[in-house]
Protein backbone atom coordinates (compact mmCIF):
# COMPACT_ATOMS: atom_id res chain seq x y z
CA MET A 1 83.57 102.16 88.40
CA LYS A 2 85.36 103.09 91.61
CA THR A 3 88.40 105.34 91.91
CA LEU A 4 91.71 104.15 93.37
CA THR A 5 94.68 106.27 94.37
CA MET A 6 98.07 104.59 94.14
CA LYS A 7 101.53 105.54 95.37
CA LEU A 8 104.34 104.53 93.03
CA PRO A 9 108.11 104.87 93.33
CA ASP A 10 109.54 107.61 91.10
CA GLY A 11 111.13 105.14 88.68
CA LEU A 12 107.92 103.18 88.17
CA LEU A 13 105.86 106.34 87.82
CA GLY A 14 108.32 107.64 85.22
CA TRP A 15 108.06 104.40 83.27
CA LEU A 16 104.24 104.49 83.47
CA GLU A 17 104.12 108.09 82.23
CA ALA A 18 106.51 107.36 79.36
CA GLU A 19 104.64 104.20 78.37
CA ALA A 20 101.27 105.96 78.50
CA LYS A 21 102.63 108.74 76.31
CA ARG A 22 104.11 106.23 73.85
CA ALA A 23 100.83 104.27 73.70
CA ARG A 24 98.77 107.48 73.60
CA GLN A 25 96.61 106.22 76.46
CA PRO A 26 95.80 107.56 79.89
CA LYS A 27 97.88 106.07 82.69
CA SER A 28 94.74 104.57 84.24
CA ALA A 29 93.88 102.68 81.03
CA LEU A 30 97.40 101.30 80.85
CA VAL A 31 97.32 100.15 84.49
CA ARG A 32 93.92 98.47 83.91
CA GLN A 33 95.25 96.68 80.84
CA ILE A 34 98.34 95.42 82.69
CA LEU A 35 96.28 94.22 85.67
CA GLN A 36 93.78 92.42 83.42
CA GLN A 37 96.58 90.66 81.53
CA HIS A 38 98.16 89.59 84.81
CA GLN A 39 94.83 88.30 86.12
CA GLN A 40 94.24 86.26 82.95
CA ARG A 41 97.70 84.66 83.18
CA GLN A 42 97.03 83.63 86.79
CA ARG A 43 93.85 81.75 85.90
CA ARG A 44 95.39 79.40 83.34
CA SER A 45 95.34 75.75 84.38
CA ALA A 46 97.78 73.07 83.30
CA LEU A 47 95.17 71.88 80.83
CA ASP A 48 94.89 75.39 79.38
CA LEU A 49 98.66 75.57 78.94
CA ALA A 50 98.96 72.11 77.35
CA ALA A 51 95.64 71.99 75.46
CA ASP A 52 97.36 72.00 72.09
CA LEU A 53 99.37 68.92 73.13
CA CYS A 54 96.40 66.77 74.19
CA GLY A 55 95.89 63.92 71.78
CA CYS A 56 98.93 64.74 69.66
CA VAL A 57 100.70 61.41 70.34
CA GLN A 58 99.48 58.15 68.83
CA SER A 59 100.52 55.15 70.95
CA GLY A 60 98.43 52.57 69.12
CA LEU A 61 96.92 51.44 72.45
CA ARG A 62 93.25 52.36 72.78
CA ASP A 63 93.05 51.59 76.52
CA LEU A 64 96.32 53.25 77.53
CA ALA A 65 94.85 55.39 80.34
CA ARG A 66 92.41 52.76 81.68
CA ASN A 67 94.30 49.47 81.61
CA LYS A 68 96.47 49.01 84.70
CA LYS A 69 99.00 46.82 82.88
CA HIS A 70 100.03 49.86 80.80
CA LEU A 71 100.52 51.96 83.96
CA LYS A 72 102.88 49.51 85.70
CA GLY A 73 106.01 51.43 86.74
CA PHE A 74 104.58 54.79 85.71
CA GLY A 75 106.07 57.68 87.71
CA ARG A 76 109.20 55.88 88.88
């Protein structure tokens, strides 16, 4: 693991120190955790966000996505 030195404004450094003390973690562990959470949020696709909604509606039409007559006027 490589070392990184960061410069933070006083207010942000104060918050980081207080939060690290509250969580009983080193500041570096807290910064790593926050960065990893941010990175994971950035990688979520629309499918990831709506995965629980896929297939939840029953239209009764088996060929809804393939038959062009069902798509007439879609998006207008």
